[in-house]
Amino acid sequence: MTPESAISRARREFHADLLRNVIRVTPDGRPNYADKDSALSTAIAGDILQQLGTGTEGTISGQAAGAEFERACERFLNGVFPLLAHLRPGPWIIDRTGPVSRQAAQGIAKFEQYEHLVALKEATEGGGPLAAAIGADYLIKPDVMVYRQPLDDTEINTLKRLVDGETTTHSGLRKANQPHAMLHASVSCKWTIRSDRSQNARAEALNLMRNRKGRVPHAVLITAEPLPSRIASIALGTGDLDCVYHFALYELREAVHTHGNEDSVEMLTTMVDGKRLKDISDLPLDLAV
């Protein structure tokens, strides 16, 4: 028998984490990520749960479930991404708070690519035409952030003297040039996709691209939504999110083929074949690029 891979084991532990802390089941067997008003959503969600294990009977508020889902996603990435150090070396940090900032910076303004937003915020705090023209949507705070701190020259020069005081005087990777952490990825975590608020992830991804100075961070979304049509509302199209990742794509595909209609099967196939929907296990490797 082939030994279980590290990522497969982490995926299984991620699901066990969700079964303990997030997934709750009503007395009639409906998981809390199903839409009670949709028979198809309930059937697909129930099938996924049956494949994953036994959920805890009880209730949890939507807000609490969302927060626990964020924590579970953070734990999953923290467990797997360090294993890819040979593919993506560096002192990576994955958390939901971001780096400590000496300035009154919020959200992405804590990072090197977005530090200029602090000055922009200060310039618009008094209101007026500038504030009306620019708005405040640029100060987003990702659910989970993947980032790294700049390096001392001694670290950069460990194997060979690569930098000195004459050149490379503007690279953000050198701590001698700038002190701020660099955002590598913004991970949005949506337990379900039930309202227009879920579309905020697309707007946030566009803000990450439009407002940065330097490279664009990865912008991805993780969800447990069971209905392909609702996943499609945020997954289809390009230009904002890198991709949407489902917490249990393999189980979702089996459930949709069992309970879904032709449109649901076709929609799910379109998203997967079109590289707009992947499994949570794909995310760490994709972030290593």
C-alpha atoms as a PDB file:
ATOM      1  CA  MET A   1       0.000   0.000   0.000  1.00  0.00           C
ATOM      2  CA  THR A   2       1.360   3.419  -0.985  1.00  0.00           C
ATOM      3  CA  PRO A   3       2.100   5.604   2.067  1.00  0.00           C
ATOM      4  CA  GLU A   4      -0.099   8.664   2.490  1.00  0.00           C
ATOM      5  CA  SER A   5       1.559  11.858   1.272  1.00  0.00           C
ATOM      6  CA  ALA A   6       2.120  14.811   3.587  1.00  0.00           C
ATOM      7  CA  ILE A   7      -0.422  16.995   1.771  1.00  0.00           C
ATOM      8  CA  SER A   8      -3.044  14.222   1.728  1.00  0.00           C
ATOM      9  CA  ARG A   9      -2.561  13.778   5.466  1.00  0.00           C
ATOM     10  CA  ALA A  10      -2.817  17.533   6.040  1.00  0.00           C
ATOM     11  CA  ARG A  11      -6.034  17.608   3.998  1.00  0.00           C
ATOM     12  CA  ARG A  12      -7.516  14.815   6.105  1.00  0.00           C
ATOM     13  CA  GLU A  13      -6.497  16.621   9.308  1.00  0.00           C
ATOM     14  CA  PHE A  14      -8.001  19.846   7.934  1.00  0.00           C
ATOM     15  CA  HIS A  15     -11.331  18.082   7.482  1.00  0.00           C
ATOM     16  CA  ALA A  16     -11.091  16.607  10.982  1.00  0.00           C
ATOM     17  CA  ASP A  17     -10.465  20.135  12.277  1.00  0.00           C
ATOM     18  CA  LEU A  18     -13.609  21.374  10.521  1.00  0.00           C
ATOM     19  CA  LEU A  19     -15.670  18.454  11.807  1.00  0.00           C
ATOM     20  CA  ARG A  20     -14.636  19.330  15.371  1.00  0.00           C
ATOM     21  CA  ASN A  21     -14.845  23.103  15.270  1.00  0.00           C
ATOM     22  CA  VAL A  22     -17.019  24.317  12.395  1.00  0.00           C
ATOM     23  CA  ILE A  23     -19.376  21.744  10.892  1.00  0.00           C
ATOM     24  CA  ARG A  24     -22.617  21.359  12.807  1.00  0.00           C
ATOM     25  CA  VAL A  25     -25.582  19.173  11.878  1.00  0.00           C
ATOM     26  CA  THR A  26     -29.273  19.709  12.578  1.00  0.00           C
ATOM     27  CA  PRO A  27     -31.333  16.854  14.073  1.00  0.00           C
ATOM     28  CA  ASP A  28     -32.639  16.034  10.585  1.00  0.00           C
ATOM     29  CA  GLY A  29     -29.073  15.678   9.249  1.00  0.00           C
ATOM     30  CA  ARG A  30     -28.554  18.997   7.427  1.00  0.00           C
ATOM     31  CA  PRO A  31     -24.970  20.372   7.635  1.00  0.00           C
ATOM     32  CA  ASN A  32     -24.598  24.068   8.446  1.00  0.00           C
ATOM     33  CA  TYR A  33     -22.951  24.835   5.096  1.00  0.00           C
ATOM     34  CA  ALA A  34     -26.127  23.783   3.266  1.00  0.00           C
ATOM     35  CA  ASP A  35     -28.879  26.210   2.306  1.00  0.00           C
ATOM     36  CA  LYS A  36     -31.961  24.994   4.172  1.00  0.00           C
ATOM     37  CA  ASP A  37     -34.182  26.471   1.460  1.00  0.00           C
ATOM     38  CA  SER A  38     -32.491  24.475  -1.316  1.00  0.00           C
ATOM     39  CA  ALA A  39     -33.071  20.733  -1.612  1.00  0.00           C
ATOM     40  CA  LEU A  40     -30.088  20.407  -3.965  1.00  0.00           C
ATOM     41  CA  SER A  41     -27.756  22.278  -1.614  1.00  0.00           C
ATOM     42  CA  THR A  42     -28.876  20.109   1.303  1.00  0.00           C
ATOM     43  CA  ALA A  43     -28.414  16.879  -0.669  1.00  0.00           C
ATOM     44  CA  ILE A  44     -24.930  17.795  -1.927  1.00  0.00           C
ATOM     45  CA  ALA A  45     -23.771  19.075   1.467  1.00  0.00           C
ATOM     46  CA  GLY A  46     -25.087  15.955   3.190  1.00  0.00           C
ATOM     47  CA  ASP A  47     -23.298  13.689   0.725  1.00  0.00           C
ATOM     48  CA  ILE A  48     -20.012  15.579   1.250  1.00  0.00           C
ATOM     49  CA  LEU A  49     -20.376  15.218   5.010  1.00  0.00           C
ATOM     50  CA  GLN A  50     -21.058  11.499   4.676  1.00  0.00           C
ATOM     51  CA  GLN A  51     -17.798  11.136   2.748  1.00  0.00           C
ATOM     52  CA  LEU A  52     -15.804  13.198   5.260  1.00  0.00           C
ATOM     53  CA  GLY A  53     -17.065  11.715   8.511  1.00  0.00           C
ATOM     54  CA  THR A  54     -19.549  12.429  11.258  1.00  0.00           C
ATOM     55  CA  GLY A  55     -20.461  15.994  12.087  1.00  0.00           C
ATOM     56  CA  THR A  56     -21.333  17.311  15.538  1.00  0.00           C
ATOM     57  CA  GLU A  57     -25.031  17.825  16.177  1.00  0.00           C
ATOM     58  CA  GLY A  58     -25.819  21.337  17.343  1.00  0.00           C
ATOM     59  CA  THR A  59     -25.646  24.933  16.206  1.00  0.00           C
ATOM     60  CA  ILE A  60     -23.022  27.599  15.669  1.00  0.00           C
ATOM     61  CA  SER A  61     -23.652  31.138  14.485  1.00  0.00           C
ATOM     62  CA  GLY A  62     -22.710  32.079  10.952  1.00  0.00           C
ATOM     63  CA  GLN A  63     -20.194  34.609  12.233  1.00  0.00           C
ATOM     64  CA  ALA A  64     -18.559  32.071  14.548  1.00  0.00           C
ATOM     65  CA  ALA A  65     -18.450  29.452  11.788  1.00  0.00           C
ATOM     66  CA  GLY A  66     -16.788  31.943   9.452  1.00  0.00           C
ATOM     67  CA  ALA A  67     -14.157  32.847  12.039  1.00  0.00           C
ATOM     68  CA  GLU A  68     -13.422  29.190  12.830  1.00  0.00           C
ATOM     69  CA  PHE A  69     -13.181  28.433   9.112  1.00  0.00           C
ATOM     70  CA  GLU A  70     -10.551  31.170   8.772  1.00  0.00           C
ATOM     71  CA  ARG A  71      -8.577  29.670  11.663  1.00  0.00           C
ATOM     72  CA  ALA A  72      -8.776  26.187  10.158  1.00  0.00           C
ATOM     73  CA  CYS A  73      -7.529  27.468   6.791  1.00  0.00           C
ATOM     74  CA  GLU A  74      -4.704  29.300   8.558  1.00  0.00           C
ATOM     75  CA  ARG A  75      -3.718  26.124  10.429  1.00  0.00           C
ATOM     76  CA  PHE A  76      -3.801  24.076   7.223  1.00  0.00           C
ATOM     77  CA  LEU A  77      -1.490  26.470   5.378  1.00  0.00           C
ATOM     78  CA  ASN A  78       0.839  26.752   8.366  1.00  0.00           C
ATOM     79  CA  GLY A  79       1.078  22.978   8.451  1.00  0.00           C
ATOM     80  CA  VAL A  80       1.840  22.479   4.761  1.00  0.00           C
ATOM     81  CA  PHE A  81       3.610  25.550   3.369  1.00  0.00           C
ATOM     82  CA  PRO A  82       6.784  25.082   5.467  1.00  0.00           C
ATOM     83  CA  LEU A  83       7.120  21.608   3.912  1.00  0.00           C
ATOM     84  CA  LEU A  84       7.683  23.332   0.561  1.00  0.00           C
ATOM     85  CA  ALA A  85      10.793  25.197   1.719  1.00  0.00           C
ATOM     86  CA  HIS A  86      12.879  23.441  -0.935  1.00  0.00           C
ATOM     87  CA  LEU A  87      10.484  24.785  -3.594  1.00  0.00           C
ATOM     88  CA  ARG A  88       9.879  28.240  -2.118  1.00  0.00           C
ATOM     89  CA  PRO A  89      12.619  29.007   0.417  1.00  0.00           C
ATOM     90  CA  GLY A  90      12.308  31.870   2.839  1.00  0.00           C
ATOM     91  CA  PRO A  91      11.098  32.802   6.328  1.00  0.00           C
ATOM     92  CA  TRP A  92       7.386  32.759   5.484  1.00  0.00           C
ATOM     93  CA  ILE A  93       4.731  33.874   7.956  1.00  0.00           C
ATOM     94  CA  ILE A  94       1.075  32.849   7.662  1.00  0.00           C
ATOM     95  CA  ASP A  95      -1.462  34.442   9.986  1.00  0.00           C
ATOM     96  CA  ARG A  96      -4.678  36.446  10.213  1.00  0.00           C
ATOM     97  CA  THR A  97      -3.253  39.593  11.816  1.00  0.00           C
ATOM     98  CA  GLY A  98      -0.345  40.626   9.621  1.00  0.00           C
ATOM     99  CA  PRO A  99       2.945  42.148  10.779  1.00  0.00           C
ATOM    100  CA  VAL A 100       3.218  44.575  13.672  1.00  0.00           C
ATOM    101  CA  SER A 101       3.498  48.088  12.271  1.00  0.00           C
ATOM    102  CA  ARG A 102       5.085  51.091  13.937  1.00  0.00           C
ATOM    103  CA  GLN A 103       2.777  53.323  11.938  1.00  0.00           C
ATOM    104  CA  ALA A 104      -0.971  53.602  12.314  1.00  0.00           C
ATOM    105  CA  ALA A 105      -1.253  51.224   9.390  1.00  0.00           C
ATOM    106  CA  GLN A 106      -4.212  48.940   8.827  1.00  0.00           C
ATOM    107  CA  GLY A 107      -4.736  45.887   6.627  1.00  0.00           C
ATOM    108  CA  ILE A 108      -2.566  45.778   3.532  1.00  0.00           C
ATOM    109  CA  ALA A 109      -1.032  49.192   4.342  1.00  0.00           C
ATOM    110  CA  LYS A 110       1.313  47.307   6.687  1.00  0.00           C
ATOM    111  CA  PHE A 111       3.104  45.797   3.695  1.00  0.00           C
ATOM    112  CA  GLU A 112       5.881  47.155   1.513  1.00  0.00           C
ATOM    113  CA  GLN A 113       3.782  47.182  -1.672  1.00  0.00           C
ATOM    114  CA  TYR A 114       1.055  49.219   0.042  1.00  0.00           C
ATOM    115  CA  GLU A 115       2.798  51.427   2.617  1.00  0.00           C
ATOM    116  CA  HIS A 116       1.935  54.502   0.534  1.00  0.00           C
ATOM    117  CA  LEU A 117      -1.720  53.939   1.473  1.00  0.00           C
ATOM    118  CA  VAL A 118      -0.963  55.256   4.971  1.00  0.00           C
ATOM    119  CA  ALA A 119      -0.223  58.685   3.516  1.00  0.00           C
ATOM    120  CA  LEU A 120      -3.286  58.410   1.291  1.00  0.00           C
ATOM    121  CA  LYS A 121      -5.469  57.625   4.299  1.00  0.00           C
ATOM    122  CA  GLU A 122      -4.086  60.598   6.213  1.00  0.00           C
ATOM    123  CA  ALA A 123      -4.695  62.879   3.244  1.00  0.00           C
ATOM    124  CA  THR A 124      -8.358  61.876   3.019  1.00  0.00           C
ATOM    125  CA  GLU A 125      -9.249  61.676   6.725  1.00  0.00           C
ATOM    126  CA  GLY A 126     -10.645  65.188   6.724  1.00  0.00           C
ATOM    127  CA  GLY A 127     -13.155  64.369   4.011  1.00  0.00           C
ATOM    128  CA  GLY A 128     -13.633  66.745   1.110  1.00  0.00           C
ATOM    129  CA  PRO A 129     -13.383  66.235  -2.658  1.00  0.00           C
ATOM    130  CA  LEU A 130     -10.254  64.044  -2.467  1.00  0.00           C
ATOM    131  CA  ALA A 131     -11.877  61.636  -0.016  1.00  0.00           C
ATOM    132  CA  ALA A 132     -15.031  61.517  -2.127  1.00  0.00           C
ATOM    133  CA  ALA A 133     -13.038  60.781  -5.277  1.00  0.00           C
ATOM    134  CA  ILE A 134     -10.785  58.100  -3.797  1.00  0.00           C
ATOM    135  CA  GLY A 135     -13.049  56.437  -1.236  1.00  0.00           C
ATOM    136  CA  ALA A 136     -11.762  54.088   1.463  1.00  0.00           C
ATOM    137  CA  ASP A 137     -12.073  50.657  -0.151  1.00  0.00           C
ATOM    138  CA  TYR A 138      -8.314  50.421  -0.651  1.00  0.00           C
ATOM    139  CA  LEU A 139      -7.657  49.666   3.055  1.00  0.00           C
ATOM    140  CA  ILE A 140      -8.679  46.024   2.888  1.00  0.00           C
ATOM    141  CA  LYS A 141      -7.695  43.396   5.452  1.00  0.00           C
ATOM    142  CA  PRO A 142      -7.317  39.867   4.047  1.00  0.00           C
ATOM    143  CA  ASP A 143      -8.671  36.963   6.111  1.00  0.00           C
ATOM    144  CA  VAL A 144      -5.353  35.100   5.990  1.00  0.00           C
ATOM    145  CA  MET A 145      -2.047  36.582   4.849  1.00  0.00           C
ATOM    146  CA  VAL A 146       1.141  34.945   3.604  1.00  0.00           C
ATOM    147  CA  TYR A 147       4.139  37.251   3.851  1.00  0.00           C
ATOM    148  CA  ARG A 148       7.829  37.540   4.633  1.00  0.00           C
ATOM    149  CA  GLN A 149      10.073  40.088   6.295  1.00  0.00           C
ATOM    150  CA  PRO A 150      12.968  41.754   4.445  1.00  0.00           C
ATOM    151  CA  LEU A 151      16.395  40.222   5.019  1.00  0.00           C
ATOM    152  CA  ASP A 152      19.564  41.584   6.565  1.00  0.00           C
ATOM    153  CA  ASP A 153      22.515  41.794   4.193  1.00  0.00           C
ATOM    154  CA  THR A 154      24.302  39.146   6.254  1.00  0.00           C
ATOM    155  CA  GLU A 155      21.533  36.667   5.389  1.00  0.00           C
ATOM    156  CA  ILE A 156      21.546  37.590   1.705  1.00  0.00           C
ATOM    157  CA  ASN A 157      25.335  37.248   1.616  1.00  0.00           C
ATOM    158  CA  THR A 158      25.418  33.898   3.453  1.00  0.00           C
ATOM    159  CA  LEU A 159      26.785  31.844   0.544  1.00  0.00           C
ATOM    160  CA  LYS A 160      28.370  34.619  -1.469  1.00  0.00           C
ATOM    161  CA  ARG A 161      28.668  38.402  -1.263  1.00  0.00           C
ATOM    162  CA  LEU A 162      25.695  39.312  -3.433  1.00  0.00           C
ATOM    163  CA  VAL A 163      24.931  42.846  -2.259  1.00  0.00           C
ATOM    164  CA  ASP A 164      26.879  45.866  -1.096  1.00  0.00           C
ATOM    165  CA  GLY A 165      26.305  49.579  -0.647  1.00  0.00           C
ATOM    166  CA  GLU A 166      26.845  50.436  -4.301  1.00  0.00           C
ATOM    167  CA  THR A 167      24.015  48.582  -6.075  1.00  0.00           C
ATOM    168  CA  THR A 168      20.659  46.900  -5.316  1.00  0.00           C
ATOM    169  CA  THR A 169      19.774  49.967  -3.274  1.00  0.00           C
ATOM    170  CA  HIS A 170      16.048  49.865  -4.051  1.00  0.00           C
ATOM    171  CA  SER A 171      15.093  46.192  -3.726  1.00  0.00           C
ATOM    172  CA  GLY A 172      12.426  45.623  -1.094  1.00  0.00           C
ATOM    173  CA  LEU A 173      13.978  42.314  -0.070  1.00  0.00           C
ATOM    174  CA  ARG A 174      16.887  44.158   1.579  1.00  0.00           C
ATOM    175  CA  LYS A 175      16.155  45.373   5.092  1.00  0.00           C
ATOM    176  CA  ALA A 176      18.798  48.021   4.515  1.00  0.00           C
ATOM    177  CA  ASN A 177      16.461  49.570   1.930  1.00  0.00           C
ATOM    178  CA  GLN A 178      13.085  49.316   3.669  1.00  0.00           C
ATOM    179  CA  PRO A 179      11.674  47.777   6.886  1.00  0.00           C
ATOM    180  CA  HIS A 180       8.222  46.545   5.850  1.00  0.00           C
ATOM    181  CA  ALA A 181       7.055  42.965   5.325  1.00  0.00           C
ATOM    182  CA  MET A 182       6.157  41.918   1.773  1.00  0.00           C
ATOM    183  CA  LEU A 183       2.734  40.442   1.049  1.00  0.00           C
ATOM    184  CA  HIS A 184       2.944  37.202  -0.930  1.00  0.00           C
ATOM    185  CA  ALA A 185      -0.703  36.103  -0.828  1.00  0.00           C
ATOM    186  CA  SER A 186      -4.124  37.278   0.285  1.00  0.00           C
ATOM    187  CA  VAL A 187      -6.434  34.385   1.195  1.00  0.00           C
ATOM    188  CA  SER A 188     -10.153  35.096   1.486  1.00  0.00           C
ATOM    189  CA  CYS A 189     -12.145  32.481   3.436  1.00  0.00           C
ATOM    190  CA  LYS A 190     -15.891  32.221   2.773  1.00  0.00           C
ATOM    191  CA  TRP A 191     -17.674  29.427   4.632  1.00  0.00           C
ATOM    192  CA  THR A 192     -20.584  29.755   2.193  1.00  0.00           C
ATOM    193  CA  ILE A 193     -21.507  31.999  -0.725  1.00  0.00           C
ATOM    194  CA  ARG A 194     -24.998  33.255   0.059  1.00  0.00           C
ATOM    195  CA  SER A 195     -24.953  37.013  -0.355  1.00  0.00           C
ATOM    196  CA  ASP A 196     -23.485  39.876  -2.305  1.00  0.00           C
ATOM    197  CA  ARG A 197     -20.914  40.286   0.475  1.00  0.00           C
ATOM    198  CA  SER A 198     -19.136  37.225  -0.870  1.00  0.00           C
ATOM    199  CA  GLN A 199     -18.378  39.238  -3.990  1.00  0.00           C
ATOM    200  CA  ASN A 200     -16.186  41.486  -1.833  1.00  0.00           C
ATOM    201  CA  ALA A 201     -13.364  39.027  -2.449  1.00  0.00           C
ATOM    202  CA  ARG A 202     -13.307  40.003  -6.122  1.00  0.00           C
ATOM    203  CA  ALA A 203     -13.275  43.715  -5.305  1.00  0.00           C
ATOM    204  CA  GLU A 204     -10.482  43.155  -2.787  1.00  0.00           C
ATOM    205  CA  ALA A 205      -8.434  41.261  -5.370  1.00  0.00           C
ATOM    206  CA  LEU A 206      -8.821  44.143  -7.815  1.00  0.00           C
ATOM    207  CA  ASN A 207      -7.735  46.569  -5.094  1.00  0.00           C
ATOM    208  CA  LEU A 208      -4.632  44.476  -4.445  1.00  0.00           C
ATOM    209  CA  MET A 209      -3.695  44.846  -8.106  1.00  0.00           C
ATOM    210  CA  ARG A 210      -4.710  48.449  -8.612  1.00  0.00           C
ATOM    211  CA  ASN A 211      -3.190  49.951  -5.472  1.00  0.00           C
ATOM    212  CA  ARG A 212       0.129  48.137  -5.192  1.00  0.00           C
ATOM    213  CA  LYS A 213       3.611  49.394  -5.953  1.00  0.00           C
ATOM    214  CA  GLY A 214       5.606  46.349  -6.991  1.00  0.00           C
ATOM    215  CA  ARG A 215       4.562  42.753  -7.595  1.00  0.00           C
ATOM    216  CA  VAL A 216       0.955  41.628  -7.286  1.00  0.00           C
ATOM    217  CA  PRO A 217       0.298  39.198  -4.417  1.00  0.00           C
ATOM    218  CA  HIS A 218      -1.660  36.017  -5.010  1.00  0.00           C
ATOM    219  CA  ALA A 219      -5.387  36.578  -4.418  1.00  0.00           C
ATOM    220  CA  VAL A 220      -7.340  33.385  -3.733  1.00  0.00           C
ATOM    221  CA  LEU A 221     -10.584  32.304  -2.087  1.00  0.00           C
ATOM    222  CA  ILE A 222     -11.402  29.170  -0.071  1.00  0.00           C
ATOM    223  CA  THR A 223     -15.027  28.112   0.384  1.00  0.00           C
ATOM    224  CA  ALA A 224     -17.221  25.233   1.554  1.00  0.00           C
ATOM    225  CA  GLU A 225     -20.201  26.292  -0.590  1.00  0.00           C
ATOM    226  CA  PRO A 226     -21.930  23.155  -1.984  1.00  0.00           C
ATOM    227  CA  LEU A 227     -23.895  24.639  -4.916  1.00  0.00           C
ATOM    228  CA  PRO A 228     -21.924  24.874  -8.198  1.00  0.00           C
ATOM    229  CA  SER A 229     -24.050  27.802  -9.388  1.00  0.00           C
ATOM    230  CA  ARG A 230     -23.078  29.886  -6.357  1.00  0.00           C
ATOM    231  CA  ILE A 231     -19.426  28.924  -6.610  1.00  0.00           C
ATOM    232  CA  ALA A 232     -19.565  29.952 -10.272  1.00  0.00           C
ATOM    233  CA  SER A 233     -20.805  33.418  -9.289  1.00  0.00           C
ATOM    234  CA  ILE A 234     -17.380  34.141  -7.842  1.00  0.00           C
ATOM    235  CA  ALA A 235     -15.134  31.663  -9.683  1.00  0.00           C
ATOM    236  CA  LEU A 236     -15.958  32.269 -13.331  1.00  0.00           C
ATOM    237  CA  GLY A 237     -14.140  35.009 -15.186  1.00  0.00           C
ATOM    238  CA  THR A 238     -10.574  36.237 -14.941  1.00  0.00           C
ATOM    239  CA  GLY A 239      -8.793  39.414 -13.960  1.00  0.00           C
ATOM    240  CA  ASP A 240      -9.373  39.403 -10.200  1.00  0.00           C
ATOM    241  CA  LEU A 241      -8.985  36.188  -8.180  1.00  0.00           C
ATOM    242  CA  ASP A 242      -6.243  33.736  -9.115  1.00  0.00           C
ATOM    243  CA  CYS A 243      -8.576  30.848  -8.411  1.00  0.00           C
ATOM    244  CA  VAL A 244     -11.248  29.536  -6.029  1.00  0.00           C
ATOM    245  CA  TYR A 245     -10.353  26.551  -3.825  1.00  0.00           C
ATOM    246  CA  HIS A 246     -13.014  24.227  -2.432  1.00  0.00           C
ATOM    247  CA  PHE A 247     -12.508  22.647   0.963  1.00  0.00           C
ATOM    248  CA  ALA A 248     -13.509  19.237  -0.447  1.00  0.00           C
ATOM    249  CA  LEU A 249     -13.546  19.333  -4.245  1.00  0.00           C
ATOM    250  CA  TYR A 250     -13.222  15.582  -4.801  1.00  0.00           C
ATOM    251  CA  GLU A 251     -16.135  14.916  -2.480  1.00  0.00           C
ATOM    252  CA  LEU A 252     -18.100  17.763  -4.082  1.00  0.00           C
ATOM    253  CA  ARG A 253     -17.673  16.291  -7.561  1.00  0.00           C
ATOM    254  CA  GLU A 254     -18.919  12.895  -6.413  1.00  0.00           C
ATOM    255  CA  ALA A 255     -21.882  14.461  -4.613  1.00  0.00           C
ATOM    256  CA  VAL A 256     -22.856  16.632  -7.585  1.00  0.00           C
ATOM    257  CA  HIS A 257     -22.704  13.670  -9.950  1.00  0.00           C
ATOM    258  CA  THR A 258     -24.941  11.740  -7.540  1.00  0.00           C
ATOM    259  CA  HIS A 259     -27.514  14.415  -6.691  1.00  0.00           C
ATOM    260  CA  GLY A 260     -27.072  17.250  -9.161  1.00  0.00           C
ATOM    261  CA  ASN A 261     -28.928  17.973 -12.350  1.00  0.00           C
ATOM    262  CA  GLU A 262     -27.265  18.231 -15.744  1.00  0.00           C
ATOM    263  CA  ASP A 263     -26.688  21.972 -15.357  1.00  0.00           C
ATOM    264  CA  SER A 264     -24.902  21.532 -12.016  1.00  0.00           C
ATOM    265  CA  VAL A 265     -22.641  18.802 -13.370  1.00  0.00           C
ATOM    266  CA  GLU A 266     -21.807  20.874 -16.445  1.00  0.00           C
ATOM    267  CA  MET A 267     -21.132  24.011 -14.395  1.00  0.00           C
ATOM    268  CA  LEU A 268     -18.798  22.175 -12.027  1.00  0.00           C
ATOM    269  CA  THR A 269     -16.952  20.559 -14.932  1.00  0.00           C
ATOM    270  CA  THR A 270     -16.563  23.940 -16.626  1.00  0.00           C
ATOM    271  CA  MET A 271     -15.001  25.489 -13.528  1.00  0.00           C
ATOM    272  CA  VAL A 272     -12.606  22.606 -12.904  1.00  0.00           C
ATOM    273  CA  ASP A 273     -11.560  22.138 -16.528  1.00  0.00           C
ATOM    274  CA  GLY A 274     -11.282  25.911 -16.920  1.00  0.00           C
ATOM    275  CA  LYS A 275      -8.845  26.104 -13.967  1.00  0.00           C
ATOM    276  CA  ARG A 276     -11.191  28.334 -11.984  1.00  0.00           C
ATOM    277  CA  LEU A 277     -11.904  25.818  -9.200  1.00  0.00           C
ATOM    278  CA  LYS A 278      -9.398  23.578  -7.436  1.00  0.00           C
ATOM    279  CA  ASP A 279      -9.153  21.552  -4.246  1.00  0.00           C
ATOM    280  CA  ILE A 280      -7.736  22.943  -0.995  1.00  0.00           C
ATOM    281  CA  SER A 281      -4.821  20.514  -1.390  1.00  0.00           C
ATOM    282  CA  ASP A 282      -3.717  22.371  -4.544  1.00  0.00           C
ATOM    283  CA  LEU A 283      -3.364  25.708  -2.772  1.00  0.00           C
ATOM    284  CA  PRO A 284       0.015  25.273  -1.021  1.00  0.00           C
ATOM    285  CA  LEU A 285       1.729  24.220  -4.251  1.00  0.00           C
ATOM    286  CA  ASP A 286       0.092  27.064  -6.171  1.00  0.00           C
ATOM    287  CA  LEU A 287       1.347  29.535  -3.554  1.00  0.00           C
ATOM    288  CA  ALA A 288       4.865  28.190  -4.055  1.00  0.00           C
ATOM    289  CA  VAL A 289       4.901  29.638  -7.582  1.00  0.00           C
END
